[in-house]
Amino acid sequence: MKIEVAVAQLKPHKGNYVANLECIGDLFAQLEEEAPQTQVLVLPETVLSGYFLEGGVRDVAKTSETLFADLLRVYRERVAREEATLDVCLGFYELFQGKYYNSSLYVTLSAENSTEPARLLHTHRKFFLPTYGVFDEKRFVSRGRTLEAFDTRFGRVSMLICEDVWHSISATIAALKGAMIVYVLSASPGREFSGHHIGNIAQWNVLLPAMAEEHNVWVIYAGLIGFEGGKGFTGSSQVVDPWGNTLVTASVTEESVIRATIDLDDVAIARANSPLLADLEAALGDIAMQLQQVAQVPHLTL
């Protein structure tokens, strides 16, 4: 199965949900005009508000259902083609059961008369919250408790948010649960500058191909751009194939849309040639026992 994917890195209007929703509407219209064959659109972490909001999270947080309804309304206002349909994956601050989360949403949007129903498929709540350097997420949002894979029109996928990826176990769980595509949404401030070297980008350029190659999954990375409080996000959105090859990369600083055709059949081919995931599945019982032993160590018990 071949899938036409677009990744858009945007500079959000800080704290302005309505303005950012309008920008996404502009993007819907742009894709409909320039690339109507696009089937999946991927947008960065906290794209509807900006990232460094601290206590302002409560002013922009929405339920998944509210965001889905708003996206569907805007899509139908901006895209007139009768059979138009688009899957969208994006990041936002979420209000869920009396708590705030840094979350990502996966939805199918469709024209009012389309034969494809509009659906809210899944919400992922960021599992690992950074609390070092410029980050202090645990003060303002709660931690998600699950890492899931879920079925879409285009195969089984998973969503991870920024630091989730810096812990290799996250991608391992996603792959073990059947993900063939891992969507990675990020707001990554630039750091460790030395000449043309930017430390966080260098690290992403190691992490993303390694994840793709180890588990033979497609990795689609969407990075936020712009400046907030003197901290600049470094974009660099990219698409990585199941062998760990980066097919296309976006600018570090500019708003842009990159596109790629990905083929899910490549996942099976890559896994047949390098059956690391199969080896992991075969050893899973023993691995689970080892993890249980680690969890029982007194100083590690949560």
C-alpha atoms as a PDB file:
ATOM      1  CA  MET A   1       0.000   0.000   0.000  1.00  0.00           C
ATOM      2  CA  LYS A   2       1.404   3.362  -1.052  1.00  0.00           C
ATOM      3  CA  ILE A   3       0.520   6.454   0.992  1.00  0.00           C
ATOM      4  CA  GLU A   4       0.967  10.112   0.085  1.00  0.00           C
ATOM      5  CA  VAL A   5       2.183  11.911   3.208  1.00  0.00           C
ATOM      6  CA  ALA A   6       2.699  15.633   3.822  1.00  0.00           C
ATOM      7  CA  VAL A   7       4.571  16.985   6.848  1.00  0.00           C
ATOM      8  CA  ALA A   8       4.065  20.656   7.682  1.00  0.00           C
ATOM      9  CA  GLN A   9       6.280  22.515  10.125  1.00  0.00           C
ATOM     10  CA  LEU A  10       4.594  25.702  11.305  1.00  0.00           C
ATOM     11  CA  LYS A  11       5.330  28.640  13.576  1.00  0.00           C
ATOM     12  CA  PRO A  12       2.294  28.889  15.861  1.00  0.00           C
ATOM     13  CA  HIS A  13       0.744  32.045  17.259  1.00  0.00           C
ATOM     14  CA  LYS A  14       1.590  31.621  20.929  1.00  0.00           C
ATOM     15  CA  GLY A  15      -1.477  30.976  23.051  1.00  0.00           C
ATOM     16  CA  ASN A  16      -3.929  31.694  20.206  1.00  0.00           C
ATOM     17  CA  TYR A  17      -5.930  28.556  19.430  1.00  0.00           C
ATOM     18  CA  VAL A  18      -8.295  30.312  16.997  1.00  0.00           C
ATOM     19  CA  ALA A  19      -5.505  31.855  14.912  1.00  0.00           C
ATOM     20  CA  ASN A  20      -3.595  28.579  14.753  1.00  0.00           C
ATOM     21  CA  LEU A  21      -6.720  26.705  13.726  1.00  0.00           C
ATOM     22  CA  GLU A  22      -7.150  29.227  10.918  1.00  0.00           C
ATOM     23  CA  CYS A  23      -3.546  28.587   9.804  1.00  0.00           C
ATOM     24  CA  ILE A  24      -4.292  24.882   9.605  1.00  0.00           C
ATOM     25  CA  GLY A  25      -7.361  25.734   7.535  1.00  0.00           C
ATOM     26  CA  ASP A  26      -5.075  27.639   5.155  1.00  0.00           C
ATOM     27  CA  LEU A  27      -2.902  24.542   4.958  1.00  0.00           C
ATOM     28  CA  PHE A  28      -5.915  22.376   4.115  1.00  0.00           C
ATOM     29  CA  ALA A  29      -6.742  24.739   1.249  1.00  0.00           C
ATOM     30  CA  GLN A  30      -3.105  24.830   0.077  1.00  0.00           C
ATOM     31  CA  LEU A  31      -2.850  21.052  -0.060  1.00  0.00           C
ATOM     32  CA  GLU A  32      -6.181  20.770  -1.844  1.00  0.00           C
ATOM     33  CA  GLU A  33      -4.901  23.163  -4.518  1.00  0.00           C
ATOM     34  CA  GLU A  34      -1.294  21.972  -4.823  1.00  0.00           C
ATOM     35  CA  ALA A  35      -1.397  18.305  -3.786  1.00  0.00           C
ATOM     36  CA  PRO A  36      -4.972  16.971  -3.604  1.00  0.00           C
ATOM     37  CA  GLN A  37      -3.580  13.432  -3.669  1.00  0.00           C
ATOM     38  CA  THR A  38      -2.260  13.906  -0.099  1.00  0.00           C
ATOM     39  CA  GLN A  39      -3.717  11.249   2.200  1.00  0.00           C
ATOM     40  CA  VAL A  40      -2.053  11.986   5.549  1.00  0.00           C
ATOM     41  CA  LEU A  41      -1.014  15.368   6.960  1.00  0.00           C
ATOM     42  CA  VAL A  42       1.337  15.449   9.955  1.00  0.00           C
ATOM     43  CA  LEU A  43       1.844  18.537  12.144  1.00  0.00           C
ATOM     44  CA  PRO A  44       4.148  19.147  15.131  1.00  0.00           C
ATOM     45  CA  GLU A  45       3.777  18.995  18.890  1.00  0.00           C
ATOM     46  CA  THR A  46       1.577  21.784  20.407  1.00  0.00           C
ATOM     47  CA  VAL A  47       1.011  23.280  16.960  1.00  0.00           C
ATOM     48  CA  LEU A  48      -2.299  24.819  18.063  1.00  0.00           C
ATOM     49  CA  SER A  49      -0.823  26.936  20.839  1.00  0.00           C
ATOM     50  CA  GLY A  50       2.955  26.964  20.986  1.00  0.00           C
ATOM     51  CA  TYR A  51       4.949  24.951  23.499  1.00  0.00           C
ATOM     52  CA  PHE A  52       6.267  27.149  26.348  1.00  0.00           C
ATOM     53  CA  LEU A  53       2.937  28.188  27.872  1.00  0.00           C
ATOM     54  CA  GLU A  54       3.460  27.118  31.499  1.00  0.00           C
ATOM     55  CA  GLY A  55       0.251  28.036  33.372  1.00  0.00           C
ATOM     56  CA  GLY A  56      -1.268  29.254  30.110  1.00  0.00           C
ATOM     57  CA  VAL A  57      -1.883  25.635  29.151  1.00  0.00           C
ATOM     58  CA  ARG A  58      -5.269  25.808  30.877  1.00  0.00           C
ATOM     59  CA  ASP A  59      -6.361  28.656  28.580  1.00  0.00           C
ATOM     60  CA  VAL A  60      -5.786  26.730  25.338  1.00  0.00           C
ATOM     61  CA  ALA A  61      -6.383  23.102  26.340  1.00  0.00           C
ATOM     62  CA  LYS A  62      -9.260  21.406  24.503  1.00  0.00           C
ATOM     63  CA  THR A  63     -10.868  18.010  24.706  1.00  0.00           C
ATOM     64  CA  SER A  64     -10.107  15.672  21.827  1.00  0.00           C
ATOM     65  CA  GLU A  65     -13.770  15.785  20.839  1.00  0.00           C
ATOM     66  CA  THR A  66     -13.789  19.588  20.678  1.00  0.00           C
ATOM     67  CA  LEU A  67     -10.613  19.684  18.606  1.00  0.00           C
ATOM     68  CA  PHE A  68     -11.956  17.030  16.235  1.00  0.00           C
ATOM     69  CA  ALA A  69     -15.168  19.010  15.730  1.00  0.00           C
ATOM     70  CA  ASP A  70     -13.204  22.227  15.086  1.00  0.00           C
ATOM     71  CA  LEU A  71     -10.847  20.558  12.604  1.00  0.00           C
ATOM     72  CA  LEU A  72     -13.759  18.955  10.760  1.00  0.00           C
ATOM     73  CA  ARG A  73     -15.619  22.271  10.555  1.00  0.00           C
ATOM     74  CA  VAL A  74     -12.563  24.102   9.213  1.00  0.00           C
ATOM     75  CA  TYR A  75     -11.795  21.321   6.744  1.00  0.00           C
ATOM     76  CA  ARG A  76     -15.311  21.408   5.331  1.00  0.00           C
ATOM     77  CA  GLU A  77     -15.194  25.213   5.093  1.00  0.00           C
ATOM     78  CA  ARG A  78     -11.882  25.232   3.204  1.00  0.00           C
ATOM     79  CA  VAL A  79     -12.123  22.104   1.018  1.00  0.00           C
ATOM     80  CA  ALA A  80     -15.046  21.931  -1.396  1.00  0.00           C
ATOM     81  CA  ARG A  81     -14.289  18.723  -3.316  1.00  0.00           C
ATOM     82  CA  GLU A  82     -17.150  16.288  -2.684  1.00  0.00           C
ATOM     83  CA  GLU A  83     -15.080  13.184  -2.018  1.00  0.00           C
ATOM     84  CA  ALA A  84     -12.229  14.972  -0.243  1.00  0.00           C
ATOM     85  CA  THR A  85     -10.767  13.016   2.664  1.00  0.00           C
ATOM     86  CA  LEU A  86      -7.630  13.594   4.732  1.00  0.00           C
ATOM     87  CA  ASP A  87      -6.108  11.912   7.774  1.00  0.00           C
ATOM     88  CA  VAL A  88      -4.493  14.408  10.159  1.00  0.00           C
ATOM     89  CA  CYS A  89      -2.037  13.833  12.991  1.00  0.00           C
ATOM     90  CA  LEU A  90      -1.193  16.841  15.190  1.00  0.00           C
ATOM     91  CA  GLY A  91      -0.147  17.932  18.670  1.00  0.00           C
ATOM     92  CA  PHE A  92      -2.143  20.011  21.179  1.00  0.00           C
ATOM     93  CA  TYR A  93      -2.697  20.645  24.867  1.00  0.00           C
ATOM     94  CA  GLU A  94      -5.579  18.461  25.993  1.00  0.00           C
ATOM     95  CA  LEU A  95      -8.125  18.609  28.796  1.00  0.00           C
ATOM     96  CA  PHE A  96      -9.115  15.070  29.770  1.00  0.00           C
ATOM     97  CA  GLN A  97     -10.940  13.914  32.892  1.00  0.00           C
ATOM     98  CA  GLY A  98      -9.968  16.963  34.904  1.00  0.00           C
ATOM     99  CA  LYS A  99      -6.269  16.966  33.951  1.00  0.00           C
ATOM    100  CA  TYR A 100      -4.123  18.679  31.328  1.00  0.00           C
ATOM    101  CA  TYR A 101      -1.910  16.715  28.942  1.00  0.00           C
ATOM    102  CA  ASN A 102       0.554  17.310  26.132  1.00  0.00           C
ATOM    103  CA  SER A 103      -1.219  15.156  23.545  1.00  0.00           C
ATOM    104  CA  SER A 104      -1.447  14.199  19.897  1.00  0.00           C
ATOM    105  CA  LEU A 105      -4.592  13.457  17.933  1.00  0.00           C
ATOM    106  CA  TYR A 106      -5.198  11.284  14.873  1.00  0.00           C
ATOM    107  CA  VAL A 107      -8.390  11.927  12.914  1.00  0.00           C
ATOM    108  CA  THR A 108      -9.946  11.272   9.529  1.00  0.00           C
ATOM    109  CA  LEU A 109     -11.556  14.399   8.065  1.00  0.00           C
ATOM    110  CA  SER A 110     -13.948  14.187   5.134  1.00  0.00           C
ATOM    111  CA  ALA A 111     -16.265  16.344   3.068  1.00  0.00           C
ATOM    112  CA  GLU A 112     -19.879  16.367   4.184  1.00  0.00           C
ATOM    113  CA  ASN A 113     -21.049  14.122   1.332  1.00  0.00           C
ATOM    114  CA  SER A 114     -18.001  11.869   1.253  1.00  0.00           C
ATOM    115  CA  THR A 115     -18.476   8.132   1.451  1.00  0.00           C
ATOM    116  CA  GLU A 116     -15.615   8.020   3.971  1.00  0.00           C
ATOM    117  CA  PRO A 117     -16.883   8.894   7.464  1.00  0.00           C
ATOM    118  CA  ALA A 118     -15.061  11.472   9.558  1.00  0.00           C
ATOM    119  CA  ARG A 119     -13.630   9.819  12.680  1.00  0.00           C
ATOM    120  CA  LEU A 120     -11.539  10.506  15.752  1.00  0.00           C
ATOM    121  CA  LEU A 121      -9.268   7.475  15.873  1.00  0.00           C
ATOM    122  CA  HIS A 122      -6.835   7.975  18.748  1.00  0.00           C
ATOM    123  CA  THR A 123      -5.362  10.364  21.303  1.00  0.00           C
ATOM    124  CA  HIS A 124      -1.848   9.805  22.630  1.00  0.00           C
ATOM    125  CA  ARG A 125      -0.776  11.516  25.852  1.00  0.00           C
ATOM    126  CA  LYS A 126       2.949  12.193  26.159  1.00  0.00           C
ATOM    127  CA  PHE A 127       4.451   9.402  28.245  1.00  0.00           C
ATOM    128  CA  PHE A 128       7.818  10.932  29.164  1.00  0.00           C
ATOM    129  CA  LEU A 129       7.747  14.546  30.362  1.00  0.00           C
ATOM    130  CA  PRO A 130      11.127  16.374  30.344  1.00  0.00           C
ATOM    131  CA  THR A 131      12.130  18.267  33.490  1.00  0.00           C
ATOM    132  CA  TYR A 132      15.696  19.331  32.695  1.00  0.00           C
ATOM    133  CA  GLY A 133      17.356  22.339  31.075  1.00  0.00           C
ATOM    134  CA  VAL A 134      14.650  24.630  29.690  1.00  0.00           C
ATOM    135  CA  PHE A 135      11.929  22.004  30.231  1.00  0.00           C
ATOM    136  CA  ASP A 136       9.538  21.786  33.173  1.00  0.00           C
ATOM    137  CA  GLU A 137       6.521  19.959  31.768  1.00  0.00           C
ATOM    138  CA  LYS A 138       5.608  18.026  34.908  1.00  0.00           C
ATOM    139  CA  ARG A 139       4.639  21.284  36.633  1.00  0.00           C
ATOM    140  CA  PHE A 140       1.949  22.033  34.091  1.00  0.00           C
ATOM    141  CA  VAL A 141       0.705  18.779  32.527  1.00  0.00           C
ATOM    142  CA  SER A 142       0.108  15.215  33.624  1.00  0.00           C
ATOM    143  CA  ARG A 143       1.935  12.218  32.217  1.00  0.00           C
ATOM    144  CA  GLY A 144       0.222   9.772  29.874  1.00  0.00           C
ATOM    145  CA  ARG A 145       0.193   6.167  31.031  1.00  0.00           C
ATOM    146  CA  THR A 146       0.013   4.115  27.822  1.00  0.00           C
ATOM    147  CA  LEU A 147       1.895   3.627  24.552  1.00  0.00           C
ATOM    148  CA  GLU A 148      -0.456   2.293  21.905  1.00  0.00           C
ATOM    149  CA  ALA A 149      -0.709   1.276  18.261  1.00  0.00           C
ATOM    150  CA  PHE A 150      -4.003   1.663  16.428  1.00  0.00           C
ATOM    151  CA  ASP A 151      -5.556   0.915  13.055  1.00  0.00           C
ATOM    152  CA  THR A 152      -6.131   3.575  10.391  1.00  0.00           C
ATOM    153  CA  ARG A 153      -7.175   3.565   6.741  1.00  0.00           C
ATOM    154  CA  PHE A 154      -3.470   3.293   5.998  1.00  0.00           C
ATOM    155  CA  GLY A 155      -2.312   0.513   8.235  1.00  0.00           C
ATOM    156  CA  ARG A 156      -1.461   0.218  11.903  1.00  0.00           C
ATOM    157  CA  VAL A 157       0.375   3.208  13.340  1.00  0.00           C
ATOM    158  CA  SER A 158       1.599   4.767  16.565  1.00  0.00           C
ATOM    159  CA  MET A 159       2.196   8.334  17.738  1.00  0.00           C
ATOM    160  CA  LEU A 160       5.059   9.463  19.980  1.00  0.00           C
ATOM    161  CA  ILE A 161       5.767  12.974  21.269  1.00  0.00           C
ATOM    162  CA  CYS A 162       9.306  14.345  21.467  1.00  0.00           C
ATOM    163  CA  GLU A 163      10.992  12.883  24.591  1.00  0.00           C
ATOM    164  CA  ASP A 164       9.002   9.659  24.156  1.00  0.00           C
ATOM    165  CA  VAL A 165      11.482   8.898  21.371  1.00  0.00           C
ATOM    166  CA  TRP A 166      14.559   9.575  23.510  1.00  0.00           C
ATOM    167  CA  HIS A 167      13.641   6.437  25.477  1.00  0.00           C
ATOM    168  CA  SER A 168      14.106   3.545  23.052  1.00  0.00           C
ATOM    169  CA  ILE A 169      11.573   1.391  24.856  1.00  0.00           C
ATOM    170  CA  SER A 170       8.746   3.605  23.517  1.00  0.00           C
ATOM    171  CA  ALA A 171       9.363   2.694  19.882  1.00  0.00           C
ATOM    172  CA  THR A 172       9.929  -0.935  20.903  1.00  0.00           C
ATOM    173  CA  ILE A 173       6.489  -1.101  22.502  1.00  0.00           C
ATOM    174  CA  ALA A 174       4.902   0.588  19.487  1.00  0.00           C
ATOM    175  CA  ALA A 175       6.491  -1.929  17.109  1.00  0.00           C
ATOM    176  CA  LEU A 176       5.568  -4.887  19.309  1.00  0.00           C
ATOM    177  CA  LYS A 177       1.975  -3.661  19.253  1.00  0.00           C
ATOM    178  CA  GLY A 178       2.024  -3.789  15.470  1.00  0.00           C
ATOM    179  CA  ALA A 179       2.877  -0.257  14.336  1.00  0.00           C
ATOM    180  CA  MET A 180       4.173  -0.019  10.775  1.00  0.00           C
ATOM    181  CA  ILE A 181       4.374   3.777  10.838  1.00  0.00           C
ATOM    182  CA  VAL A 182       5.484   5.819  13.841  1.00  0.00           C
ATOM    183  CA  TYR A 183       4.487   9.481  13.753  1.00  0.00           C
ATOM    184  CA  VAL A 184       6.841  11.590  15.881  1.00  0.00           C
ATOM    185  CA  LEU A 185       5.636  15.072  16.855  1.00  0.00           C
ATOM    186  CA  SER A 186       8.181  17.427  18.363  1.00  0.00           C
ATOM    187  CA  ALA A 187       8.891  20.915  19.711  1.00  0.00           C
ATOM    188  CA  SER A 188      12.669  20.737  20.010  1.00  0.00           C
ATOM    189  CA  PRO A 189      14.604  23.896  21.002  1.00  0.00           C
ATOM    190  CA  GLY A 190      18.026  24.311  19.427  1.00  0.00           C
ATOM    191  CA  ARG A 191      20.981  23.727  21.745  1.00  0.00           C
ATOM    192  CA  GLU A 192      24.680  22.844  21.772  1.00  0.00           C
ATOM    193  CA  PHE A 193      25.665  25.120  18.898  1.00  0.00           C
ATOM    194  CA  SER A 194      29.159  24.727  17.451  1.00  0.00           C
ATOM    195  CA  GLY A 195      29.705  26.150  13.989  1.00  0.00           C
ATOM    196  CA  HIS A 196      27.162  24.445  11.753  1.00  0.00           C
ATOM    197  CA  HIS A 197      26.573  21.746  14.369  1.00  0.00           C
ATOM    198  CA  ILE A 198      23.297  21.907  16.327  1.00  0.00           C
ATOM    199  CA  GLY A 199      23.246  19.328  19.091  1.00  0.00           C
ATOM    200  CA  ASN A 200      19.559  18.488  19.259  1.00  0.00           C
ATOM    201  CA  ILE A 201      19.299  18.062  15.468  1.00  0.00           C
ATOM    202  CA  ALA A 202      22.357  15.805  15.494  1.00  0.00           C
ATOM    203  CA  GLN A 203      20.687  13.679  18.152  1.00  0.00           C
ATOM    204  CA  TRP A 204      17.409  13.456  16.215  1.00  0.00           C
ATOM    205  CA  ASN A 205      19.413  12.404  13.160  1.00  0.00           C
ATOM    206  CA  VAL A 206      20.667   9.450  15.208  1.00  0.00           C
ATOM    207  CA  LEU A 207      17.455   8.547  17.038  1.00  0.00           C
ATOM    208  CA  LEU A 208      15.010   8.564  14.126  1.00  0.00           C
ATOM    209  CA  PRO A 209      16.991   6.374  11.674  1.00  0.00           C
ATOM    210  CA  ALA A 210      17.939   4.018  14.521  1.00  0.00           C
ATOM    211  CA  MET A 211      14.279   3.568  15.453  1.00  0.00           C
ATOM    212  CA  ALA A 212      13.300   2.968  11.845  1.00  0.00           C
ATOM    213  CA  GLU A 213      16.121   0.496  11.179  1.00  0.00           C
ATOM    214  CA  GLU A 214      15.831  -1.504  14.412  1.00  0.00           C
ATOM    215  CA  HIS A 215      12.079  -2.082  14.110  1.00  0.00           C
ATOM    216  CA  ASN A 216      11.759  -1.695  10.314  1.00  0.00           C
ATOM    217  CA  VAL A 217       9.051   0.948  10.552  1.00  0.00           C
ATOM    218  CA  TRP A 218       8.397   4.145   8.651  1.00  0.00           C
ATOM    219  CA  VAL A 219       9.167   7.170  10.830  1.00  0.00           C
ATOM    220  CA  ILE A 220       7.468  10.482  10.057  1.00  0.00           C
ATOM    221  CA  TYR A 221       8.861  13.374  12.110  1.00  0.00           C
ATOM    222  CA  ALA A 222       7.197  16.805  12.352  1.00  0.00           C
ATOM    223  CA  GLY A 223       9.123  19.588  14.122  1.00  0.00           C
ATOM    224  CA  LEU A 224       7.815  22.924  15.383  1.00  0.00           C
ATOM    225  CA  ILE A 225       9.635  26.125  14.354  1.00  0.00           C
ATOM    226  CA  GLY A 226       9.729  29.711  15.601  1.00  0.00           C
ATOM    227  CA  PHE A 227      10.910  31.431  18.777  1.00  0.00           C
ATOM    228  CA  GLU A 228       9.295  31.464  22.203  1.00  0.00           C
ATOM    229  CA  GLY A 229      10.925  33.344  25.072  1.00  0.00           C
ATOM    230  CA  GLY A 230      14.251  33.474  23.263  1.00  0.00           C
ATOM    231  CA  LYS A 231      14.280  29.747  22.553  1.00  0.00           C
ATOM    232  CA  GLY A 232      14.235  28.717  18.902  1.00  0.00           C
ATOM    233  CA  PHE A 233      12.711  25.470  17.656  1.00  0.00           C
ATOM    234  CA  THR A 234      14.658  23.674  14.964  1.00  0.00           C
ATOM    235  CA  GLY A 235      12.118  22.179  12.565  1.00  0.00           C
ATOM    236  CA  SER A 236      14.031  19.631  10.479  1.00  0.00           C
ATOM    237  CA  SER A 237      10.926  17.552   9.776  1.00  0.00           C
ATOM    238  CA  GLN A 238      11.783  14.354   7.927  1.00  0.00           C
ATOM    239  CA  VAL A 239      10.630  11.027   6.556  1.00  0.00           C
ATOM    240  CA  VAL A 240      12.722   7.912   7.271  1.00  0.00           C
ATOM    241  CA  ASP A 241      12.206   4.549   5.568  1.00  0.00           C
ATOM    242  CA  PRO A 242      12.251   1.102   7.273  1.00  0.00           C
ATOM    243  CA  TRP A 243      15.984   0.688   6.530  1.00  0.00           C
ATOM    244  CA  GLY A 244      16.856   3.932   8.326  1.00  0.00           C
ATOM    245  CA  ASN A 245      17.344   6.057   5.204  1.00  0.00           C
ATOM    246  CA  THR A 246      16.148   9.663   5.415  1.00  0.00           C
ATOM    247  CA  LEU A 247      14.219  10.393   2.227  1.00  0.00           C
ATOM    248  CA  VAL A 248      13.402  14.083   2.674  1.00  0.00           C
ATOM    249  CA  THR A 249      14.196  16.752   5.264  1.00  0.00           C
ATOM    250  CA  ALA A 250      12.719  20.210   5.856  1.00  0.00           C
ATOM    251  CA  SER A 251      14.427  23.478   6.735  1.00  0.00           C
ATOM    252  CA  VAL A 252      15.738  24.134  10.235  1.00  0.00           C
ATOM    253  CA  THR A 253      14.087  27.555  10.527  1.00  0.00           C
ATOM    254  CA  GLU A 254      11.486  28.089   7.797  1.00  0.00           C
ATOM    255  CA  GLU A 255       7.813  27.161   7.588  1.00  0.00           C
ATOM    256  CA  SER A 256       7.519  24.498   4.929  1.00  0.00           C
ATOM    257  CA  VAL A 257       5.701  21.407   3.731  1.00  0.00           C
ATOM    258  CA  ILE A 258       7.597  18.292   2.702  1.00  0.00           C
ATOM    259  CA  ARG A 259       5.972  15.389   0.892  1.00  0.00           C
ATOM    260  CA  ALA A 260       6.816  11.737   0.392  1.00  0.00           C
ATOM    261  CA  THR A 261       5.259   8.600  -1.004  1.00  0.00           C
ATOM    262  CA  ILE A 262       5.703   5.775   1.483  1.00  0.00           C
ATOM    263  CA  ASP A 263       5.036   2.105   0.786  1.00  0.00           C
ATOM    264  CA  LEU A 264       3.876  -0.135   3.632  1.00  0.00           C
ATOM    265  CA  ASP A 265       5.057  -3.178   1.683  1.00  0.00           C
ATOM    266  CA  ASP A 266       8.594  -2.002   2.457  1.00  0.00           C
ATOM    267  CA  VAL A 267       8.032  -2.876   6.112  1.00  0.00           C
ATOM    268  CA  ALA A 268       7.609  -6.583   5.358  1.00  0.00           C
ATOM    269  CA  ILE A 269      10.587  -6.574   2.981  1.00  0.00           C
ATOM    270  CA  ALA A 270      12.844  -4.895   5.534  1.00  0.00           C
ATOM    271  CA  ARG A 271      11.737  -7.233   8.328  1.00  0.00           C
ATOM    272  CA  ALA A 272      12.363 -10.289   6.171  1.00  0.00           C
ATOM    273  CA  ASN A 273      15.921  -9.125   5.526  1.00  0.00           C
ATOM    274  CA  SER A 274      16.631  -8.092   9.119  1.00  0.00           C
ATOM    275  CA  PRO A 275      14.329  -9.962  11.513  1.00  0.00           C
ATOM    276  CA  LEU A 276      15.293  -8.054  14.672  1.00  0.00           C
ATOM    277  CA  LEU A 277      11.655  -7.509  15.626  1.00  0.00           C
ATOM    278  CA  ALA A 278      10.955 -11.222  15.216  1.00  0.00           C
ATOM    279  CA  ASP A 279      13.905 -11.992  17.492  1.00  0.00           C
ATOM    280  CA  LEU A 280      12.531  -9.560  20.039  1.00  0.00           C
ATOM    281  CA  GLU A 281       9.085 -11.157  19.885  1.00  0.00           C
ATOM    282  CA  ALA A 282      10.635 -14.603  20.395  1.00  0.00           C
ATOM    283  CA  ALA A 283      12.418 -13.422  23.539  1.00  0.00           C
ATOM    284  CA  LEU A 284       9.526 -11.364  24.862  1.00  0.00           C
ATOM    285  CA  GLY A 285       8.608 -13.717  27.696  1.00  0.00           C
ATOM    286  CA  ASP A 286      12.122 -13.619  29.124  1.00  0.00           C
ATOM    287  CA  ILE A 287      12.332  -9.862  28.619  1.00  0.00           C
ATOM    288  CA  ALA A 288       9.065  -9.407  30.520  1.00  0.00           C
ATOM    289  CA  MET A 289      10.508 -11.450  33.404  1.00  0.00           C
ATOM    290  CA  GLN A 290      13.623  -9.274  33.458  1.00  0.00           C
ATOM    291  CA  LEU A 291      11.538  -6.101  33.518  1.00  0.00           C
ATOM    292  CA  GLN A 292       9.417  -7.485  36.327  1.00  0.00           C
ATOM    293  CA  GLN A 293      12.563  -8.164  38.348  1.00  0.00           C
ATOM    294  CA  VAL A 294      13.769  -4.619  37.734  1.00  0.00           C
ATOM    295  CA  ALA A 295      10.397  -3.191  38.793  1.00  0.00           C
ATOM    296  CA  GLN A 296      10.654  -5.100  42.083  1.00  0.00           C
ATOM    297  CA  VAL A 297      13.968  -3.522  43.054  1.00  0.00           C
ATOM    298  CA  PRO A 298      13.002  -1.358  46.064  1.00  0.00           C
ATOM    299  CA  HIS A 299      14.691   1.879  44.992  1.00  0.00           C
ATOM    300  CA  LEU A 300      13.057   1.662  41.536  1.00  0.00           C
ATOM    301  CA  THR A 301       9.507   1.057  42.730  1.00  0.00           C
ATOM    302  CA  LEU A 302       7.187   3.924  41.812  1.00  0.00           C
END
